[in-house]
């Protein structure tokens, strides 16, 4: 399984931390005339971040950029996981953007040299999800950390992400955004119509050699359930790792007509004896989904359209 699928924190490699120089008299004068702003986080009610002026120089992890790009919010540098993963990044071209880290590594010296106003990424008030406490302490000494929101539903998280984009100067009312919202609602209705009268069960999964991980209770599963889908898989744990863990010997006890696989594409090549015996695999009724990626109406409208096409062509095989 790719490291991003499991919640075990990754040890980050920090190359160096350069102390930010205190600005000169000119900088102080500029700050005194700038309008101070305060960011109130849309889903972390106790998190308010004061800024001496509107944040302009931004550093993001690639999950943040995938969600903010649609609104015209651009980073001065990137770090983190899945920057080359098309399921996460879509067709975003990052070739001209400076990279100051990859996966669980970051060069904090380069970060400090950028003098960012804010760092945006997956995490919480204390910092980035995959850095330990000491690394996050260094990170947040360079600039305030704005964590991506976590909503109970896909729609809530899209709205909360849009709030962050708006604070950062994004165009959240553009014609493209308005059209994407309409397309998402239409895609929900199309999936609902495709599922009506059908007795199809769907599993959202991430198979590994050791275990079949399933995503009952995830936002993406809930979105499909709202449209009338029957979601199957291992029970979501009450706490900790949210993935349901199904031993391969028990995989057939969760019969699915359609399996959506984390990061699935035409090059997908996973194989295991008991995986190959699952009815959906034998019928090639497989599609894609992602637990990470662009939290936008456009991304989810496109995904639901793909799921609808798969459902329309699927047979009851489980």
Protein backbone atom coordinates (compact mmCIF):
# COMPACT_ATOMS: atom_id res chain seq x y z
CA UNK A 1 0.00 0.00 0.00
CA UNK A 2 1.22 3.48 -0.64
CA UNK A 3 2.24 5.22 2.54
CA UNK A 4 -0.49 7.81 2.26
CA UNK A 5 -3.19 5.19 2.70
CA UNK A 6 -2.44 4.42 6.32
CA UNK A 7 -2.41 6.85 9.24
CA UNK A 8 0.97 5.86 10.65
CA UNK A 9 2.98 9.04 10.73
CA UNK A 10 6.05 9.22 8.58
CA UNK A 11 9.38 10.38 9.94
CA UNK A 12 10.24 13.54 8.10
CA UNK A 13 13.75 14.37 7.03
CA UNK A 14 14.65 17.94 7.76
CA UNK A 15 17.81 19.15 6.11
CA UNK A 16 18.28 22.45 7.92
CA UNK A 17 16.41 25.32 9.51
CA UNK A 18 17.67 28.76 8.74
CA UNK A 19 16.65 31.54 11.07
CA UNK A 20 14.56 34.13 9.29
CA UNK A 21 16.24 37.49 9.33
CA UNK A 22 14.39 40.30 11.00
CA UNK A 23 13.30 42.82 8.41
CA UNK A 24 14.87 46.24 8.13
CA UNK A 25 13.27 49.59 8.73
CA UNK A 26 11.64 49.58 5.29
CA UNK A 27 9.95 46.24 6.00
CA UNK A 28 8.71 47.45 9.36
CA UNK A 29 7.27 50.54 7.74
CA UNK A 30 5.48 48.46 5.12
CA UNK A 31 3.98 46.22 7.80
CA UNK A 32 2.76 49.19 9.79
CA UNK A 33 0.72 50.40 6.83
CA UNK A 34 -0.63 46.97 5.81
CA UNK A 35 -4.08 45.90 6.94
CA UNK A 36 -3.98 43.11 9.51
CA UNK A 37 -6.28 40.15 8.86
CA UNK A 38 -7.34 37.12 10.89
CA UNK A 39 -8.09 33.72 9.41
CA UNK A 40 -10.85 31.78 11.16
CA UNK A 41 -10.68 28.12 10.24
CA UNK A 42 -13.95 26.80 8.78
CA UNK A 43 -13.91 23.42 10.55
CA UNK A 44 -11.54 23.88 13.51
CA UNK A 45 -13.63 26.21 15.64
CA UNK A 46 -10.84 27.20 18.03
CA UNK A 47 -8.28 27.96 15.33
CA UNK A 48 -7.76 31.62 14.49
CA UNK A 49 -4.55 32.76 12.82
CA UNK A 50 -3.63 36.46 12.81
CA UNK A 51 -1.66 37.87 9.88
CA UNK A 52 -0.03 41.28 9.76
CA UNK A 53 -1.28 41.55 6.19
CA UNK A 54 -3.06 39.46 3.58
CA UNK A 55 -0.97 36.31 2.93
CA UNK A 56 0.69 36.46 -0.47
CA UNK A 57 3.70 34.13 -0.55
CA UNK A 58 2.27 30.62 -0.13
CA UNK A 59 3.80 27.17 0.29
CA UNK A 60 1.48 24.17 -0.11
CA UNK A 61 1.52 20.43 -0.01
CA UNK A 62 0.20 18.90 -3.20
CA UNK A 63 -3.11 17.91 -1.64
CA UNK A 64 -3.74 21.59 -0.89
CA UNK A 65 -2.74 22.70 -4.37
CA UNK A 66 -5.00 20.12 -6.00
CA UNK A 67 -7.95 21.68 -4.15
CA UNK A 68 -7.02 25.37 -4.42
CA UNK A 69 -5.81 25.50 -8.02
CA UNK A 70 -9.37 25.68 -9.39
CA UNK A 71 -9.81 29.03 -7.64
CA UNK A 72 -6.58 30.52 -8.97
CA UNK A 73 -4.67 30.20 -5.70
CA UNK A 74 -1.09 29.38 -6.70
CA UNK A 75 1.87 28.27 -4.56
CA UNK A 76 5.38 29.66 -4.60
CA UNK A 77 6.65 26.20 -3.65
CA UNK A 78 5.35 22.66 -3.15
CA UNK A 79 6.16 19.68 -0.93
CA UNK A 80 4.52 16.45 0.16
CA UNK A 81 2.99 13.29 -1.28
CA UNK A 82 1.34 12.46 -4.60
CA UNK A 83 2.62 15.46 -6.52
CA UNK A 84 2.98 13.25 -9.61
CA UNK A 85 -0.21 11.27 -9.01
CA UNK A 86 -2.72 12.19 -11.76
CA UNK A 87 -5.65 10.99 -9.67
CA UNK A 88 -4.74 13.62 -7.06
CA UNK A 89 -3.37 16.37 -9.29
CA UNK A 90 -5.45 15.90 -12.42
CA UNK A 91 -3.89 17.80 -15.30
CA UNK A 92 -2.27 20.50 -13.15
CA UNK A 93 1.18 21.37 -14.49
CA UNK A 94 3.62 21.73 -11.58
CA UNK A 95 6.80 21.70 -13.68
CA UNK A 96 7.44 25.40 -13.12
CA UNK A 97 6.85 25.39 -9.37
CA UNK A 98 9.76 25.05 -6.95
CA UNK A 99 9.82 21.79 -4.97
CA UNK A 100 11.24 22.06 -1.47
CA UNK A 101 10.36 18.55 -0.39
CA UNK A 102 9.06 15.20 -1.56
CA UNK A 103 6.93 12.67 0.30
CA UNK A 104 7.83 12.99 4.01
CA UNK A 105 10.89 15.18 3.50
CA UNK A 106 11.24 18.94 3.44
CA UNK A 107 14.18 21.31 3.20
CA UNK A 108 13.32 23.84 5.89
CA UNK A 109 16.29 25.99 4.92
CA UNK A 110 14.74 26.47 1.47
CA UNK A 111 11.36 27.00 3.11
CA UNK A 112 12.75 29.75 5.32
CA UNK A 113 14.52 31.39 2.37
CA UNK A 114 11.15 31.81 0.65
CA UNK A 115 9.84 33.82 3.62
CA UNK A 116 6.31 32.46 3.11
CA UNK A 117 3.32 34.18 4.64
CA UNK A 118 1.50 30.87 5.12
CA UNK A 119 1.93 27.12 4.67
CA UNK A 120 -1.17 25.14 3.66
CA UNK A 121 -1.56 21.38 3.80
CA UNK A 122 -3.08 18.25 5.28
CA UNK A 123 -2.92 18.35 9.05
CA UNK A 124 -4.18 20.10 12.14
CA UNK A 125 -3.56 23.16 14.25
CA UNK A 126 -0.18 21.76 15.30
CA UNK A 127 1.12 21.33 11.76
CA UNK A 128 1.45 18.89 8.87
CA UNK A 129 0.11 15.36 9.36
CA UNK A 130 3.31 13.54 8.43
CA UNK A 131 5.79 15.60 10.45
CA UNK A 132 6.49 14.87 14.08
CA UNK A 133 6.20 17.48 16.81
CA UNK A 134 9.77 18.72 16.57
CA UNK A 135 9.61 19.19 12.80
CA UNK A 136 6.27 20.97 12.99
CA UNK A 137 7.71 23.28 15.64
CA UNK A 138 10.38 24.31 13.14
CA UNK A 139 7.84 24.57 10.33
CA UNK A 140 5.52 26.86 12.23
CA UNK A 141 8.38 29.11 13.31
CA UNK A 142 8.86 29.90 9.63
CA UNK A 143 5.19 30.69 8.90
CA UNK A 144 1.68 29.95 10.19
CA UNK A 145 0.24 26.62 9.10
CA UNK A 146 -3.28 26.55 7.63
CA UNK A 147 -4.64 22.98 7.72
CA UNK A 148 -7.00 21.78 5.04
CA UNK A 149 -10.52 21.38 6.44
CA UNK A 150 -12.21 18.13 7.36
CA UNK A 151 -15.96 18.08 6.84
CA UNK A 152 -18.37 15.30 7.69
CA UNK A 153 -19.47 15.12 4.06
CA UNK A 154 -17.90 15.80 0.69
CA UNK A 155 -20.16 18.81 0.19
CA UNK A 156 -19.21 20.29 3.56
CA UNK A 157 -15.52 19.83 2.85
CA UNK A 158 -15.80 21.38 -0.61
CA UNK A 159 -17.50 24.42 0.94
CA UNK A 160 -14.92 24.68 3.72
CA UNK A 161 -12.04 24.38 1.25
CA UNK A 162 -13.66 27.14 -0.77
CA UNK A 163 -13.66 29.33 2.36
CA UNK A 164 -9.89 28.90 2.60
CA UNK A 165 -9.50 29.70 -1.09
CA UNK A 166 -11.54 32.86 -0.65
CA UNK A 167 -9.42 34.01 2.27
CA UNK A 168 -6.30 33.48 0.18
CA UNK A 169 -7.67 35.64 -2.62
CA UNK A 170 -9.13 32.93 -4.84
CA UNK A 171 -11.98 33.53 -7.26
CA UNK A 172 -14.67 31.40 -5.67
CA UNK A 173 -17.51 32.85 -7.72
CA UNK A 174 -16.14 32.33 -11.21
CA UNK A 175 -18.23 30.97 -14.05
CA UNK A 176 -16.16 27.77 -14.01
CA UNK A 177 -16.83 27.23 -10.31
CA UNK A 178 -20.54 27.91 -10.71
CA UNK A 179 -20.70 25.44 -13.61
CA UNK A 180 -18.81 22.83 -11.59
CA UNK A 181 -21.36 23.12 -8.77
CA UNK A 182 -24.19 22.58 -11.26
CA UNK A 183 -22.36 19.64 -12.83
CA UNK A 184 -21.90 18.01 -9.42
CA UNK A 185 -25.60 18.22 -8.63
CA UNK A 186 -26.42 16.81 -12.07
CA UNK A 187 -23.92 13.98 -11.58
CA UNK A 188 -25.55 13.06 -8.27
CA UNK A 189 -28.93 12.82 -9.96
CA UNK A 190 -27.54 10.76 -12.84
CA UNK A 191 -25.99 8.28 -10.41
CA UNK A 192 -29.22 8.12 -8.43
CA UNK A 193 -31.13 7.31 -11.62
CA UNK A 194 -28.59 4.66 -12.63
CA UNK A 195 -28.86 2.94 -9.24
CA UNK A 196 -32.64 3.07 -9.04
CA UNK A 197 -34.13 -0.39 -9.26
CA UNK A 198 -30.69 -2.04 -9.36
CA UNK A 199 -29.41 -4.44 -6.72
CA UNK A 200 -25.73 -3.58 -7.00
CA UNK A 201 -23.29 -3.48 -4.10
CA UNK A 202 -20.17 -1.32 -4.25
CA UNK A 203 -16.92 -1.65 -2.32
CA UNK A 204 -14.37 1.15 -1.99
CA UNK A 205 -11.07 -0.58 -1.40
CA UNK A 206 -7.32 -0.48 -1.26
CA UNK A 207 -5.95 -4.00 -1.66
CA UNK A 208 -2.50 -4.99 -0.43
CA UNK A 209 -0.71 -8.32 -0.28
CA UNK A 210 -1.30 -8.49 3.47
CA UNK A 211 -4.85 -7.22 3.75
CA UNK A 212 -7.89 -5.87 1.93
CA UNK A 213 -8.57 -2.37 3.25
CA UNK A 214 -12.09 -1.02 2.76
CA UNK A 215 -13.62 2.42 3.19
CA UNK A 216 -17.01 2.00 4.83
CA UNK A 217 -17.96 5.30 6.45
CA UNK A 218 -15.61 7.44 4.40
CA UNK A 219 -16.99 10.64 2.87
CA UNK A 220 -16.78 9.16 -0.61
CA UNK A 221 -18.76 6.10 0.48
CA UNK A 222 -21.37 8.33 2.09
CA UNK A 223 -21.69 10.34 -1.12
CA UNK A 224 -22.50 7.15 -3.05
CA UNK A 225 -24.91 6.00 -0.34
CA UNK A 226 -26.78 9.31 -0.61
CA UNK A 227 -27.38 8.43 -4.26
CA UNK A 228 -28.79 5.04 -3.29
CA UNK A 229 -25.72 2.79 -3.44
CA UNK A 230 -25.24 -0.18 -1.15
CA UNK A 231 -21.71 0.03 0.28
CA UNK A 232 -20.00 -3.12 1.54
CA UNK A 233 -16.73 -3.80 3.30
CA UNK A 234 -15.15 -4.30 6.68
CA UNK A 235 -16.55 -2.35 9.59
CA UNK A 236 -14.92 1.02 10.22
CA UNK A 237 -12.97 0.94 13.53
CA UNK A 238 -14.39 3.05 16.35
CA UNK A 239 -11.12 4.97 16.65
CA UNK A 240 -7.66 5.19 15.12
CA UNK A 241 -7.08 3.93 11.60
CA UNK A 242 -10.40 4.53 9.78
CA UNK A 243 -9.87 1.76 7.22
CA UNK A 244 -11.79 -1.46 7.61
CA UNK A 245 -9.34 -4.36 7.65
CA UNK A 246 -10.46 -7.55 5.94
CA UNK A 247 -8.26 -10.65 5.93
CA UNK A 248 -8.05 -12.15 2.47
CA UNK A 249 -9.68 -15.34 3.74
CA UNK A 250 -12.73 -13.22 4.67
CA UNK A 251 -12.87 -11.06 1.53
CA UNK A 252 -15.61 -13.14 -0.07
CA UNK A 253 -17.86 -12.46 2.94
CA UNK A 254 -18.26 -8.89 1.66
CA UNK A 255 -19.70 -9.58 -1.82
CA UNK A 256 -19.45 -6.62 -4.17
CA UNK A 257 -20.70 -6.24 -7.73
CA UNK A 258 -18.44 -3.24 -8.30
CA UNK A 259 -15.10 -2.49 -6.65
CA UNK A 260 -13.66 1.02 -6.69
CA UNK A 261 -9.92 0.90 -6.07
CA UNK A 262 -7.81 3.65 -4.55
CA UNK A 263 -5.83 5.24 -7.38
CA UNK A 264 -7.00 2.74 -10.01
CA UNK A 265 -6.14 3.41 -13.66
CA UNK A 266 -5.39 1.50 -16.86
CA UNK A 267 -1.91 0.64 -15.58
CA UNK A 268 -3.16 -0.94 -12.35
CA UNK A 269 -1.45 -4.28 -11.83
CA UNK A 270 -2.26 -5.61 -8.34
CA UNK A 271 -2.75 -9.35 -8.10
CA UNK A 272 -3.34 -11.90 -5.36
CA UNK A 273 -4.98 -15.30 -5.51
CA UNK A 274 -8.01 -14.44 -3.38
CA UNK A 275 -8.33 -11.03 -5.03
CA UNK A 276 -8.61 -12.68 -8.43
CA UNK A 277 -11.45 -14.85 -7.13
CA UNK A 278 -13.70 -11.91 -6.22
CA UNK A 279 -16.70 -11.70 -8.59
CA UNK A 280 -16.21 -8.01 -9.42
CA UNK A 281 -12.57 -8.65 -10.32
CA UNK A 282 -13.47 -11.61 -12.50
CA UNK A 283 -16.14 -9.52 -14.25
CA UNK A 284 -13.74 -6.59 -14.62
CA UNK A 285 -16.25 -4.31 -12.90
CA UNK A 286 -13.56 -2.10 -11.43
CA UNK A 287 -13.21 1.66 -11.14
CA UNK A 288 -11.27 4.30 -9.27
CA UNK A 289 -11.64 6.45 -6.20
CA UNK A 290 -9.32 8.39 -3.91
CA UNK A 291 -9.27 9.18 -0.22
CA UNK A 292 -7.05 12.18 -1.01
CA UNK A 293 -7.15 14.63 -3.86
CA UNK A 294 -8.92 17.70 -5.12
CA UNK A 295 -11.80 18.61 -2.83
CA UNK A 296 -13.70 20.50 -5.52
CA UNK A 297 -17.05 20.24 -7.23
CA UNK A 298 -15.31 19.66 -10.55
CA UNK A 299 -13.30 16.71 -9.26
CA UNK A 300 -16.33 15.03 -7.69
CA UNK A 301 -18.62 15.73 -10.63
CA UNK A 302 -16.12 14.00 -12.90
CA UNK A 303 -15.70 11.08 -10.49
CA UNK A 304 -19.44 10.51 -10.08
CA UNK A 305 -19.83 10.57 -13.85
CA UNK A 306 -17.24 7.77 -14.10
CA UNK A 307 -18.96 5.77 -11.36
CA UNK A 308 -22.32 6.19 -13.10
CA UNK A 309 -20.94 4.84 -16.36
CA UNK A 310 -19.51 1.83 -14.51
CA UNK A 311 -22.79 1.19 -12.69
CA UNK A 312 -24.76 1.39 -15.94
CA UNK A 313 -22.58 -1.28 -17.53
CA UNK A 314 -22.30 -3.53 -14.45
CA UNK A 315 -24.10 -6.80 -13.85
CA UNK A 316 -25.21 -8.35 -10.57
CA UNK A 317 -22.34 -10.80 -10.08
CA UNK A 318 -21.93 -11.01 -6.30
